[in-house]
Amino acid sequence: MIYTYTRAHAIADGFQVDVSTTAQEAGIRFPVFLTRAVYDAYVTVPPDVDGQDEAGRTWDLLTMLRHAIRKSQPGKTRLPFALYVRNDNRRPRLIKLIATCGALDFDDPTPAITVTMPD
């Protein structure tokens, strides 16, 4: 192997965000990572949005992920789930995400979950 782009590289480069500590508090046993696109679109609070913070938005996302995991069939490695997010001072809108369970890294087979956009 000449070069491998590891999860540690992705986190250091800002392409993934580790939310594992909060995920454990939400009842998810595996480490959880969000892609930068998910984090920026649905965790980061847009300017001028009232009554929102990143901790609460992270908790909402992980709670809905936990419910989807509990309702899923055993053996699934790709799990769609949805939640309502308010990115303006109007009504929240339903967003859809995908959680994929796979190896933590190329040399570590420990299960980990990565949350991505559906596309």
PDB file of N, CA and C in Angstrom:
ATOM      1  N   MET A   1       0.841  -1.165   0.000  1.00  0.00           N
ATOM      2  CA  MET A   1       0.000   0.000   0.000  1.00  0.00           C
ATOM      3  C   MET A   1       0.892   1.235   0.000  1.00  0.00           C
ATOM      4  N   ILE A   2       0.648   2.124  -0.924  1.00  0.00           N
ATOM      5  CA  ILE A   2       1.464   3.328  -1.034  1.00  0.00           C
ATOM      6  C   ILE A   2       0.926   4.433  -0.130  1.00  0.00           C
ATOM      7  N   TYR A   3      -0.387   4.650  -0.146  1.00  0.00           N
ATOM      8  CA  TYR A   3      -0.978   5.705   0.674  1.00  0.00           C
ATOM      9  C   TYR A   3      -2.430   5.366   0.969  1.00  0.00           C
ATOM     10  N   THR A   4      -2.859   5.638   2.178  1.00  0.00           N
ATOM     11  CA  THR A   4      -4.248   5.445   2.572  1.00  0.00           C
ATOM     12  C   THR A   4      -4.719   6.689   3.299  1.00  0.00           C
ATOM     13  N   TYR A   5      -5.875   7.184   2.904  1.00  0.00           N
ATOM     14  CA  TYR A   5      -6.475   8.336   3.565  1.00  0.00           C
ATOM     15  C   TYR A   5      -7.336   7.804   4.706  1.00  0.00           C
ATOM     16  N   THR A   6      -6.887   8.012   5.925  1.00  0.00           N
ATOM     17  CA  THR A   6      -7.540   7.431   7.087  1.00  0.00           C
ATOM     18  C   THR A   6      -8.649   8.342   7.621  1.00  0.00           C
ATOM     19  N   ARG A   7      -9.450   7.791   8.508  1.00  0.00           N
ATOM     20  CA  ARG A   7     -10.469   8.606   9.162  1.00  0.00           C
ATOM     21  C   ARG A   7      -9.803   9.711   9.983  1.00  0.00           C
ATOM     22  N   ALA A   8      -8.681   9.407  10.612  1.00  0.00           N
ATOM     23  CA  ALA A   8      -7.951  10.428  11.377  1.00  0.00           C
ATOM     24  C   ALA A   8      -7.552  11.591  10.465  1.00  0.00           C
ATOM     25  N   HIS A   9      -7.135  11.281   9.231  1.00  0.00           N
ATOM     26  CA  HIS A   9      -6.815  12.343   8.267  1.00  0.00           C
ATOM     27  C   HIS A   9      -8.072  13.156   7.946  1.00  0.00           C
ATOM     28  N   ALA A  10      -9.192  12.462   7.722  1.00  0.00           N
ATOM     29  CA  ALA A  10     -10.442  13.149   7.374  1.00  0.00           C
ATOM     30  C   ALA A  10     -10.882  14.085   8.502  1.00  0.00           C
ATOM     31  N   ILE A  11     -10.708  13.651   9.737  1.00  0.00           N
ATOM     32  CA  ILE A  11     -11.061  14.499  10.878  1.00  0.00           C
ATOM     33  C   ILE A  11     -10.099  15.681  10.967  1.00  0.00           C
ATOM     34  N   ALA A  12      -8.810  15.417  10.835  1.00  0.00           N
ATOM     35  CA  ALA A  12      -7.806  16.494  10.900  1.00  0.00           C
ATOM     36  C   ALA A  12      -7.997  17.513   9.778  1.00  0.00           C
ATOM     37  N   ASP A  13      -8.403  17.028   8.591  1.00  0.00           N
ATOM     38  CA  ASP A  13      -8.628  17.919   7.449  1.00  0.00           C
ATOM     39  C   ASP A  13      -9.983  18.621   7.509  1.00  0.00           C
ATOM     40  N   GLY A  14     -10.840  18.207   8.453  1.00  0.00           N
ATOM     41  CA  GLY A  14     -12.148  18.839   8.590  1.00  0.00           C
ATOM     42  C   GLY A  14     -13.230  18.240   7.716  1.00  0.00           C
ATOM     43  N   PHE A  15     -12.969  17.116   7.067  1.00  0.00           N
ATOM     44  CA  PHE A  15     -13.972  16.493   6.207  1.00  0.00           C
ATOM     45  C   PHE A  15     -14.975  15.649   6.988  1.00  0.00           C
ATOM     46  N   GLN A  16     -14.622  15.266   8.215  1.00  0.00           N
ATOM     47  CA  GLN A  16     -15.537  14.553   9.101  1.00  0.00           C
ATOM     48  C   GLN A  16     -15.446  15.163  10.496  1.00  0.00           C
ATOM     49  N   VAL A  17     -16.564  15.053  11.227  1.00  0.00           N
ATOM     50  CA  VAL A  17     -16.633  15.582  12.581  1.00  0.00           C
ATOM     51  C   VAL A  17     -17.002  14.430  13.512  1.00  0.00           C
ATOM     52  N   ASP A  18     -16.207  14.247  14.551  1.00  0.00           N
ATOM     53  CA  ASP A  18     -16.443  13.180  15.522  1.00  0.00           C
ATOM     54  C   ASP A  18     -17.465  13.658  16.559  1.00  0.00           C
ATOM     55  N   VAL A  19     -18.624  12.977  16.615  1.00  0.00           N
ATOM     56  CA  VAL A  19     -19.661  13.304  17.597  1.00  0.00           C
ATOM     57  C   VAL A  19     -19.910  12.102  18.510  1.00  0.00           C
ATOM     58  N   SER A  20     -18.896  11.263  18.671  1.00  0.00           N
ATOM     59  CA  SER A  20     -19.030  10.008  19.410  1.00  0.00           C
ATOM     60  C   SER A  20     -19.385  10.199  20.879  1.00  0.00           C
ATOM     61  N   THR A  21     -18.846  11.216  21.518  1.00  0.00           N
ATOM     62  CA  THR A  21     -19.145  11.431  22.935  1.00  0.00           C
ATOM     63  C   THR A  21     -20.634  11.716  23.126  1.00  0.00           C
ATOM     64  N   THR A  22     -21.176  12.593  22.320  1.00  0.00           N
ATOM     65  CA  THR A  22     -22.603  12.895  22.400  1.00  0.00           C
ATOM     66  C   THR A  22     -23.429  11.682  21.977  1.00  0.00           C
ATOM     67  N   ALA A  23     -22.947  10.932  20.997  1.00  0.00           N
ATOM     68  CA  ALA A  23     -23.654   9.729  20.554  1.00  0.00           C
ATOM     69  C   ALA A  23     -23.759   8.716  21.687  1.00  0.00           C
ATOM     70  N   GLN A  24     -22.702   8.554  22.461  1.00  0.00           N
ATOM     71  CA  GLN A  24     -22.751   7.647  23.607  1.00  0.00           C
ATOM     72  C   GLN A  24     -23.797   8.114  24.615  1.00  0.00           C
ATOM     73  N   GLU A  25     -23.861   9.403  24.862  1.00  0.00           N
ATOM     74  CA  GLU A  25     -24.861   9.952  25.776  1.00  0.00           C
ATOM     75  C   GLU A  25     -26.274   9.713  25.247  1.00  0.00           C
ATOM     76  N   ALA A  26     -26.418   9.677  23.919  1.00  0.00           N
ATOM     77  CA  ALA A  26     -27.722   9.446  23.289  1.00  0.00           C
ATOM     78  C   ALA A  26     -28.067   7.961  23.212  1.00  0.00           C
ATOM     79  N   GLY A  27     -27.142   7.097  23.637  1.00  0.00           N
ATOM     80  CA  GLY A  27     -27.422   5.668  23.657  1.00  0.00           C
ATOM     81  C   GLY A  27     -26.910   4.887  22.471  1.00  0.00           C
ATOM     82  N   ILE A  28     -26.009   5.466  21.698  1.00  0.00           N
ATOM     83  CA  ILE A  28     -25.422   4.777  20.541  1.00  0.00           C
ATOM     84  C   ILE A  28     -24.059   4.244  20.967  1.00  0.00           C
ATOM     85  N   ARG A  29     -23.864   2.951  20.831  1.00  0.00           N
ATOM     86  CA  ARG A  29     -22.640   2.314  21.332  1.00  0.00           C
ATOM     87  C   ARG A  29     -21.424   2.519  20.436  1.00  0.00           C
ATOM     88  N   PHE A  30     -21.642   2.666  19.130  1.00  0.00           N
ATOM     89  CA  PHE A  30     -20.521   2.784  18.196  1.00  0.00           C
ATOM     90  C   PHE A  30     -20.098   4.246  18.045  1.00  0.00           C
ATOM     91  N   PRO A  31     -18.838   4.497  17.685  1.00  0.00           N
ATOM     92  CA  PRO A  31     -18.425   5.865  17.362  1.00  0.00           C
ATOM     93  C   PRO A  31     -19.252   6.390  16.183  1.00  0.00           C
ATOM     94  N   VAL A  32     -19.566   7.681  16.214  1.00  0.00           N
ATOM     95  CA  VAL A  32     -20.373   8.298  15.154  1.00  0.00           C
ATOM     96  C   VAL A  32     -19.628   9.510  14.614  1.00  0.00           C
ATOM     97  N   PHE A  33     -19.603   9.599  13.289  1.00  0.00           N
ATOM     98  CA  PHE A  33     -18.949  10.697  12.591  1.00  0.00           C
ATOM     99  C   PHE A  33     -19.929  11.304  11.598  1.00  0.00           C
ATOM    100  N   LEU A  34     -19.907  12.617  11.469  1.00  0.00           N
ATOM    101  CA  LEU A  34     -20.721  13.325  10.491  1.00  0.00           C
ATOM    102  C   LEU A  34     -19.807  13.849   9.397  1.00  0.00           C
ATOM    103  N   THR A  35     -20.271  13.787   8.158  1.00  0.00           N
ATOM    104  CA  THR A  35     -19.497  14.435   7.103  1.00  0.00           C
ATOM    105  C   THR A  35     -19.577  15.942   7.313  1.00  0.00           C
ATOM    106  N   ARG A  36     -18.631  16.656   6.788  1.00  0.00           N
ATOM    107  CA  ARG A  36     -18.620  18.111   6.908  1.00  0.00           C
ATOM    108  C   ARG A  36     -19.888  18.703   6.298  1.00  0.00           C
ATOM    109  N   ALA A  37     -20.380  18.134   5.192  1.00  0.00           N
ATOM    110  CA  ALA A  37     -21.594  18.647   4.557  1.00  0.00           C
ATOM    111  C   ALA A  37     -22.792  18.542   5.497  1.00  0.00           C
ATOM    112  N   VAL A  38     -22.937  17.415   6.182  1.00  0.00           N
ATOM    113  CA  VAL A  38     -24.035  17.246   7.146  1.00  0.00           C
ATOM    114  C   VAL A  38     -23.873  18.230   8.293  1.00  0.00           C
ATOM    115  N   TYR A  39     -22.673  18.316   8.823  1.00  0.00           N
ATOM    116  CA  TYR A  39     -22.430  19.203   9.957  1.00  0.00           C
ATOM    117  C   TYR A  39     -22.744  20.658   9.593  1.00  0.00           C
ATOM    118  N   ASP A  40     -22.234  21.109   8.462  1.00  0.00           N
ATOM    119  CA  ASP A  40     -22.442  22.503   8.067  1.00  0.00           C
ATOM    120  C   ASP A  40     -23.908  22.813   7.763  1.00  0.00           C
ATOM    121  N   ALA A  41     -24.611  21.869   7.148  1.00  0.00           N
ATOM    122  CA  ALA A  41     -25.989  22.119   6.743  1.00  0.00           C
ATOM    123  C   ALA A  41     -26.993  21.972   7.884  1.00  0.00           C
ATOM    124  N   TYR A  42     -26.739  21.055   8.835  1.00  0.00           N
ATOM    125  CA  TYR A  42     -27.776  20.730   9.804  1.00  0.00           C
ATOM    126  C   TYR A  42     -27.366  20.815  11.269  1.00  0.00           C
ATOM    127  N   VAL A  43     -26.093  21.034  11.567  1.00  0.00           N
ATOM    128  CA  VAL A  43     -25.668  21.215  12.955  1.00  0.00           C
ATOM    129  C   VAL A  43     -25.272  22.670  13.194  1.00  0.00           C
ATOM    130  N   THR A  44     -24.471  23.233  12.296  1.00  0.00           N
ATOM    131  CA  THR A  44     -24.098  24.639  12.425  1.00  0.00           C
ATOM    132  C   THR A  44     -25.354  25.498  12.325  1.00  0.00           C
ATOM    133  N   VAL A  45     -25.514  26.412  13.265  1.00  0.00           N
ATOM    134  CA  VAL A  45     -26.704  27.267  13.287  1.00  0.00           C
ATOM    135  C   VAL A  45     -26.493  28.441  12.333  1.00  0.00           C
ATOM    136  N   PRO A  46     -27.390  28.594  11.358  1.00  0.00           N
ATOM    137  CA  PRO A  46     -27.260  29.732  10.446  1.00  0.00           C
ATOM    138  C   PRO A  46     -27.401  31.061  11.196  1.00  0.00           C
ATOM    139  N   PRO A  47     -26.800  32.117  10.674  1.00  0.00           N
ATOM    140  CA  PRO A  47     -26.912  33.428  11.322  1.00  0.00           C
ATOM    141  C   PRO A  47     -28.382  33.846  11.427  1.00  0.00           C
ATOM    142  N   ASP A  48     -28.701  34.532  12.494  1.00  0.00           N
ATOM    143  CA  ASP A  48     -30.039  35.097  12.722  1.00  0.00           C
ATOM    144  C   ASP A  48     -31.134  34.066  12.971  1.00  0.00           C
ATOM    145  N   VAL A  49     -30.791  32.804  13.254  1.00  0.00           N
ATOM    146  CA  VAL A  49     -31.801  31.814  13.613  1.00  0.00           C
ATOM    147  C   VAL A  49     -31.928  31.812  15.129  1.00  0.00           C
ATOM    148  N   ASP A  50     -33.129  32.065  15.608  1.00  0.00           N
ATOM    149  CA  ASP A  50     -33.380  32.179  17.042  1.00  0.00           C
ATOM    150  C   ASP A  50     -33.601  30.816  17.683  1.00  0.00           C
ATOM    151  N   GLY A  51     -33.173  30.681  18.942  1.00  0.00           N
ATOM    152  CA  GLY A  51     -33.485  29.517  19.762  1.00  0.00           C
ATOM    153  C   GLY A  51     -32.820  28.222  19.344  1.00  0.00           C
ATOM    154  N   GLN A  52     -31.688  28.284  18.690  1.00  0.00           N
ATOM    155  CA  GLN A  52     -30.978  27.092  18.232  1.00  0.00           C
ATOM    156  C   GLN A  52     -29.537  27.152  18.713  1.00  0.00           C
ATOM    157  N   ASP A  53     -28.963  25.969  18.989  1.00  0.00           N
ATOM    158  CA  ASP A  53     -27.533  25.895  19.242  1.00  0.00           C
ATOM    159  C   ASP A  53     -27.013  24.561  18.704  1.00  0.00           C
ATOM    160  N   GLU A  54     -25.704  24.486  18.502  1.00  0.00           N
ATOM    161  CA  GLU A  54     -25.113  23.293  17.893  1.00  0.00           C
ATOM    162  C   GLU A  54     -25.292  22.058  18.757  1.00  0.00           C
ATOM    163  N   ALA A  55     -25.208  22.211  20.066  1.00  0.00           N
ATOM    164  CA  ALA A  55     -25.372  21.060  20.954  1.00  0.00           C
ATOM    165  C   ALA A  55     -26.769  20.462  20.821  1.00  0.00           C
ATOM    166  N   GLY A  56     -27.770  21.304  20.790  1.00  0.00           N
ATOM    167  CA  GLY A  56     -29.140  20.828  20.655  1.00  0.00           C
ATOM    168  C   GLY A  56     -29.406  20.199  19.300  1.00  0.00           C
ATOM    169  N   ARG A  57     -28.865  20.789  18.260  1.00  0.00           N
ATOM    170  CA  ARG A  57     -29.058  20.244  16.919  1.00  0.00           C
ATOM    171  C   ARG A  57     -28.333  18.909  16.763  1.00  0.00           C
ATOM    172  N   THR A  58     -27.148  18.785  17.368  1.00  0.00           N
ATOM    173  CA  THR A  58     -26.428  17.509  17.347  1.00  0.00           C
ATOM    174  C   THR A  58     -27.244  16.452  18.083  1.00  0.00           C
ATOM    175  N   TRP A  59     -27.754  16.815  19.249  1.00  0.00           N
ATOM    176  CA  TRP A  59     -28.560  15.888  20.043  1.00  0.00           C
ATOM    177  C   TRP A  59     -29.790  15.429  19.258  1.00  0.00           C
ATOM    178  N   ASP A  60     -30.475  16.350  18.588  1.00  0.00           N
ATOM    179  CA  ASP A  60     -31.655  15.986  17.793  1.00  0.00           C
ATOM    180  C   ASP A  60     -31.300  14.979  16.703  1.00  0.00           C
ATOM    181  N   LEU A  61     -30.220  15.246  15.988  1.00  0.00           N
ATOM    182  CA  LEU A  61     -29.792  14.353  14.912  1.00  0.00           C
ATOM    183  C   LEU A  61     -29.467  12.964  15.466  1.00  0.00           C
ATOM    184  N   LEU A  62     -28.718  12.913  16.550  1.00  0.00           N
ATOM    185  CA  LEU A  62     -28.314  11.620  17.106  1.00  0.00           C
ATOM    186  C   LEU A  62     -29.489  10.872  17.736  1.00  0.00           C
ATOM    187  N   THR A  63     -30.436  11.587  18.311  1.00  0.00           N
ATOM    188  CA  THR A  63     -31.622  10.936  18.865  1.00  0.00           C
ATOM    189  C   THR A  63     -32.434  10.269  17.759  1.00  0.00           C
ATOM    190  N   MET A  64     -32.599  10.953  16.646  1.00  0.00           N
ATOM    191  CA  MET A  64     -33.339  10.354  15.532  1.00  0.00           C
ATOM    192  C   MET A  64     -32.566   9.184  14.922  1.00  0.00           C
ATOM    193  N   LEU A  65     -31.250   9.280  14.900  1.00  0.00           N
ATOM    194  CA  LEU A  65     -30.434   8.158  14.443  1.00  0.00           C
ATOM    195  C   LEU A  65     -30.624   6.968  15.374  1.00  0.00           C
ATOM    196  N   ARG A  66     -30.586   7.196  16.674  1.00  0.00           N
ATOM    197  CA  ARG A  66     -30.772   6.112  17.635  1.00  0.00           C
ATOM    198  C   ARG A  66     -32.131   5.427  17.435  1.00  0.00           C
ATOM    199  N   HIS A  67     -33.193   6.199  17.233  1.00  0.00           N
ATOM    200  CA  HIS A  67     -34.518   5.613  16.994  1.00  0.00           C
ATOM    201  C   HIS A  67     -34.523   4.782  15.713  1.00  0.00           C
ATOM    202  N   ALA A  68     -33.873   5.281  14.682  1.00  0.00           N
ATOM    203  CA  ALA A  68     -33.808   4.530  13.421  1.00  0.00           C
ATOM    204  C   ALA A  68     -33.030   3.227  13.597  1.00  0.00           C
ATOM    205  N   ILE A  69     -31.961   3.268  14.363  1.00  0.00           N
ATOM    206  CA  ILE A  69     -31.169   2.057  14.623  1.00  0.00           C
ATOM    207  C   ILE A  69     -32.022   1.033  15.363  1.00  0.00           C
ATOM    208  N   ARG A  70     -32.755   1.475  16.366  1.00  0.00           N
ATOM    209  CA  ARG A  70     -33.594   0.556  17.142  1.00  0.00           C
ATOM    210  C   ARG A  70     -34.691  -0.089  16.295  1.00  0.00           C
ATOM    211  N   LYS A  71     -35.199   0.638  15.315  1.00  0.00           N
ATOM    212  CA  LYS A  71     -36.268   0.121  14.469  1.00  0.00           C
ATOM    213  C   LYS A  71     -35.752  -0.686  13.282  1.00  0.00           C
ATOM    214  N   SER A  72     -34.462  -0.653  13.034  1.00  0.00           N
ATOM    215  CA  SER A  72     -33.894  -1.298  11.844  1.00  0.00           C
ATOM    216  C   SER A  72     -33.830  -2.812  12.002  1.00  0.00           C
ATOM    217  N   GLN A  73     -33.691  -3.473  10.869  1.00  0.00           N
ATOM    218  CA  GLN A  73     -33.536  -4.921  10.857  1.00  0.00           C
ATOM    219  C   GLN A  73     -32.064  -5.266  11.060  1.00  0.00           C
ATOM    220  N   PRO A  74     -31.793  -6.367  11.761  1.00  0.00           N
ATOM    221  CA  PRO A  74     -30.394  -6.776  11.973  1.00  0.00           C
ATOM    222  C   PRO A  74     -29.668  -7.004  10.644  1.00  0.00           C
ATOM    223  N   GLY A  75     -28.392  -6.692  10.641  1.00  0.00           N
ATOM    224  CA  GLY A  75     -27.566  -6.947   9.470  1.00  0.00           C
ATOM    225  C   GLY A  75     -27.512  -5.823   8.459  1.00  0.00           C
ATOM    226  N   LYS A  76     -28.302  -4.790   8.636  1.00  0.00           N
ATOM    227  CA  LYS A  76     -28.273  -3.654   7.707  1.00  0.00           C
ATOM    228  C   LYS A  76     -27.041  -2.804   7.983  1.00  0.00           C
ATOM    229  N   THR A  77     -26.362  -2.390   6.933  1.00  0.00           N
ATOM    230  CA  THR A  77     -25.196  -1.518   7.101  1.00  0.00           C
ATOM    231  C   THR A  77     -25.478  -0.104   6.606  1.00  0.00           C
ATOM    232  N   ARG A  78     -26.605   0.090   5.931  1.00  0.00           N
ATOM    233  CA  ARG A  78     -26.991   1.406   5.413  1.00  0.00           C
ATOM    234  C   ARG A  78     -28.403   1.698   5.891  1.00  0.00           C
ATOM    235  N   LEU A  79     -28.566   2.815   6.580  1.00  0.00           N
ATOM    236  CA  LEU A  79     -29.833   3.108   7.223  1.00  0.00           C
ATOM    237  C   LEU A  79     -30.265   4.542   6.928  1.00  0.00           C
ATOM    238  N   PRO A  80     -31.344   4.715   6.165  1.00  0.00           N
ATOM    239  CA  PRO A  80     -31.867   6.065   5.974  1.00  0.00           C
ATOM    240  C   PRO A  80     -32.635   6.506   7.222  1.00  0.00           C
ATOM    241  N   PHE A  81     -32.564   7.777   7.542  1.00  0.00           N
ATOM    242  CA  PHE A  81     -33.367   8.329   8.628  1.00  0.00           C
ATOM    243  C   PHE A  81     -33.641   9.796   8.334  1.00  0.00           C
ATOM    244  N   ALA A  82     -34.583  10.366   9.058  1.00  0.00           N
ATOM    245  CA  ALA A  82     -34.997  11.743   8.785  1.00  0.00           C
ATOM    246  C   ALA A  82     -35.253  12.473  10.095  1.00  0.00           C
ATOM    247  N   LEU A  83     -35.194  13.789  10.023  1.00  0.00           N
ATOM    248  CA  LEU A  83     -35.533  14.639  11.152  1.00  0.00           C
ATOM    249  C   LEU A  83     -35.909  16.013  10.638  1.00  0.00           C
ATOM    250  N   TYR A  84     -36.563  16.778  11.483  1.00  0.00           N
ATOM    251  CA  TYR A  84     -36.920  18.145  11.131  1.00  0.00           C
ATOM    252  C   TYR A  84     -35.830  19.093  11.614  1.00  0.00           C
ATOM    253  N   VAL A  85     -35.423  20.011  10.735  1.00  0.00           N
ATOM    254  CA  VAL A  85     -34.387  20.997  11.057  1.00  0.00           C
ATOM    255  C   VAL A  85     -34.904  22.371  10.653  1.00  0.00           C
ATOM    256  N   ARG A  86     -34.656  23.344  11.516  1.00  0.00           N
ATOM    257  CA  ARG A  86     -35.050  24.721  11.213  1.00  0.00           C
ATOM    258  C   ARG A  86     -33.792  25.529  10.911  1.00  0.00           C
ATOM    259  N   ASN A  87     -33.633  25.913   9.647  1.00  0.00           N
ATOM    260  CA  ASN A  87     -32.479  26.709   9.228  1.00  0.00           C
ATOM    261  C   ASN A  87     -32.838  28.163   8.963  1.00  0.00           C
ATOM    262  N   ASP A  88     -34.042  28.555   9.339  1.00  0.00           N
ATOM    263  CA  ASP A  88     -34.467  29.947   9.287  1.00  0.00           C
ATOM    264  C   ASP A  88     -35.484  30.133  10.401  1.00  0.00           C
ATOM    265  N   ASN A  89     -36.096  31.276  10.500  1.00  0.00           N
ATOM    266  CA  ASN A  89     -37.056  31.515  11.575  1.00  0.00           C
ATOM    267  C   ASN A  89     -38.472  31.170  11.150  1.00  0.00           C
ATOM    268  N   ARG A  90     -38.592  30.263  10.221  1.00  0.00           N
ATOM    269  CA  ARG A  90     -39.899  29.752   9.795  1.00  0.00           C
ATOM    270  C   ARG A  90     -40.055  28.335  10.306  1.00  0.00           C
ATOM    271  N   ARG A  91     -40.931  27.595   9.662  1.00  0.00           N
ATOM    272  CA  ARG A  91     -41.189  26.214  10.075  1.00  0.00           C
ATOM    273  C   ARG A  91     -39.990  25.317   9.760  1.00  0.00           C
ATOM    274  N   PRO A  92     -39.757  24.314  10.610  1.00  0.00           N
ATOM    275  CA  PRO A  92     -38.701  23.341  10.303  1.00  0.00           C
ATOM    276  C   PRO A  92     -39.077  22.539   9.058  1.00  0.00           C
ATOM    277  N   ARG A  93     -38.070  22.018   8.387  1.00  0.00           N
ATOM    278  CA  ARG A  93     -38.347  21.171   7.225  1.00  0.00           C
ATOM    279  C   ARG A  93     -37.713  19.806   7.431  1.00  0.00           C
ATOM    280  N   LEU A  94     -38.341  18.812   6.830  1.00  0.00           N
ATOM    281  CA  LEU A  94     -37.869  17.438   6.943  1.00  0.00           C
ATOM    282  C   LEU A  94     -36.629  17.253   6.076  1.00  0.00           C
ATOM    283  N   ILE A  95     -35.579  16.742   6.685  1.00  0.00           N
ATOM    284  CA  ILE A  95     -34.360  16.433   5.933  1.00  0.00           C
ATOM    285  C   ILE A  95     -34.088  14.941   6.058  1.00  0.00           C
ATOM    286  N   LYS A  96     -33.475  14.387   5.043  1.00  0.00           N
ATOM    287  CA  LYS A  96     -33.171  12.964   5.024  1.00  0.00           C
ATOM    288  C   LYS A  96     -31.669  12.762   4.988  1.00  0.00           C
ATOM    289  N   LEU A  97     -31.209  11.813   5.783  1.00  0.00           N
ATOM    290  CA  LEU A  97     -29.789  11.495   5.875  1.00  0.00           C
ATOM    291  C   LEU A  97     -29.607   9.988   5.770  1.00  0.00           C
ATOM    292  N   ILE A  98     -28.358   9.568   5.590  1.00  0.00           N
ATOM    293  CA  ILE A  98     -28.008   8.154   5.515  1.00  0.00           C
ATOM    294  C   ILE A  98     -26.923   7.873   6.554  1.00  0.00           C
ATOM    295  N   ALA A  99     -27.142   6.835   7.350  1.00  0.00           N
ATOM    296  CA  ALA A  99     -26.119   6.363   8.294  1.00  0.00           C
ATOM    297  C   ALA A  99     -25.565   5.055   7.746  1.00  0.00           C
ATOM    298  N   THR A 100     -24.260   4.972   7.660  1.00  0.00           N
ATOM    299  CA  THR A 100     -23.598   3.767   7.169  1.00  0.00           C
ATOM    300  C   THR A 100     -22.700   3.225   8.267  1.00  0.00           C
ATOM    301  N   CYS A 101     -22.820   1.937   8.519  1.00  0.00           N
ATOM    302  CA  CYS A 101     -21.983   1.293   9.528  1.00  0.00           C
ATOM    303  C   CYS A 101     -20.895   0.497   8.818  1.00  0.00           C
ATOM    304  N   GLY A 102     -19.663   0.732   9.210  1.00  0.00           N
ATOM    305  CA  GLY A 102     -18.534   0.025   8.616  1.00  0.00           C
ATOM    306  C   GLY A 102     -17.359   0.069   9.570  1.00  0.00           C
ATOM    307  N   ALA A 103     -16.228  -0.297   9.073  1.00  0.00           N
ATOM    308  CA  ALA A 103     -15.009  -0.303   9.899  1.00  0.00           C
ATOM    309  C   ALA A 103     -14.632   1.119  10.301  1.00  0.00           C
ATOM    310  N   LEU A 104     -14.104   1.254  11.501  1.00  0.00           N
ATOM    311  CA  LEU A 104     -13.654   2.554  11.983  1.00  0.00           C
ATOM    312  C   LEU A 104     -12.588   3.137  11.063  1.00  0.00           C
ATOM    313  N   ASP A 105     -11.676   2.282  10.594  1.00  0.00           N
ATOM    314  CA  ASP A 105     -10.628   2.724   9.682  1.00  0.00           C
ATOM    315  C   ASP A 105     -10.114   1.520   8.906  1.00  0.00           C
ATOM    316  N   PHE A 106      -9.255   1.749   7.954  1.00  0.00           N
ATOM    317  CA  PHE A 106      -8.791   0.660   7.092  1.00  0.00           C
ATOM    318  C   PHE A 106      -8.044  -0.419   7.880  1.00  0.00           C
ATOM    319  N   ASP A 107      -7.435  -0.045   8.993  1.00  0.00           N
ATOM    320  CA  ASP A 107      -6.688  -1.014   9.790  1.00  0.00           C
ATOM    321  C   ASP A 107      -7.352  -1.306  11.138  1.00  0.00           C
ATOM    322  N   ASP A 108      -8.587  -0.848  11.319  1.00  0.00           N
ATOM    323  CA  ASP A 108      -9.321  -1.056  12.568  1.00  0.00           C
ATOM    324  C   ASP A 108     -10.747  -1.475  12.239  1.00  0.00           C
ATOM    325  N   PRO A 109     -11.059  -2.768  12.395  1.00  0.00           N
ATOM    326  CA  PRO A 109     -12.386  -3.259  12.018  1.00  0.00           C
ATOM    327  C   PRO A 109     -13.493  -2.934  13.021  1.00  0.00           C
ATOM    328  N   THR A 110     -13.177  -2.192  14.081  1.00  0.00           N
ATOM    329  CA  THR A 110     -14.197  -1.812  15.045  1.00  0.00           C
ATOM    330  C   THR A 110     -15.327  -1.074  14.316  1.00  0.00           C
ATOM    331  N   PRO A 111     -16.597  -1.441  14.588  1.00  0.00           N
ATOM    332  CA  PRO A 111     -17.706  -0.768  13.892  1.00  0.00           C
ATOM    333  C   PRO A 111     -17.785   0.722  14.234  1.00  0.00           C
ATOM    334  N   ALA A 112     -18.120   1.508  13.233  1.00  0.00           N
ATOM    335  CA  ALA A 112     -18.342   2.940  13.393  1.00  0.00           C
ATOM    336  C   ALA A 112     -19.440   3.351  12.426  1.00  0.00           C
ATOM    337  N   ILE A 113     -20.127   4.437  12.753  1.00  0.00           N
ATOM    338  CA  ILE A 113     -21.220   4.943  11.937  1.00  0.00           C
ATOM    339  C   ILE A 113     -20.813   6.275  11.348  1.00  0.00           C
ATOM    340  N   THR A 114     -21.069   6.436  10.047  1.00  0.00           N
ATOM    341  CA  THR A 114     -20.819   7.687   9.362  1.00  0.00           C
ATOM    342  C   THR A 114     -22.152   8.183   8.806  1.00  0.00           C
ATOM    343  N   VAL A 115     -22.513   9.429   9.132  1.00  0.00           N
ATOM    344  CA  VAL A 115     -23.765  10.027   8.656  1.00  0.00           C
ATOM    345  C   VAL A 115     -23.435  10.941   7.485  1.00  0.00           C
ATOM    346  N   THR A 116     -24.137  10.700   6.365  1.00  0.00           N
ATOM    347  CA  THR A 116     -23.891  11.441   5.131  1.00  0.00           C
ATOM    348  C   THR A 116     -25.183  11.979   4.551  1.00  0.00           C
ATOM    349  N   MET A 117     -25.050  12.839   3.573  1.00  0.00           N
ATOM    350  CA  MET A 117     -26.197  13.289   2.792  1.00  0.00           C
ATOM    351  C   MET A 117     -26.651  12.121   1.905  1.00  0.00           C
ATOM    352  N   PRO A 118     -27.908  12.098   1.512  1.00  0.00           N
ATOM    353  CA  PRO A 118     -28.382  10.968   0.699  1.00  0.00           C
ATOM    354  C   PRO A 118     -27.747  10.910  -0.687  1.00  0.00           C
ATOM    355  N   ASP A 119     -27.274  12.021  -1.194  1.00  0.00           N
ATOM    356  CA  ASP A 119     -26.667  12.007  -2.523  1.00  0.00           C
ATOM    357  C   ASP A 119     -25.172  12.020  -2.390  1.00  0.00           C
TER     358      ASP A 119
END
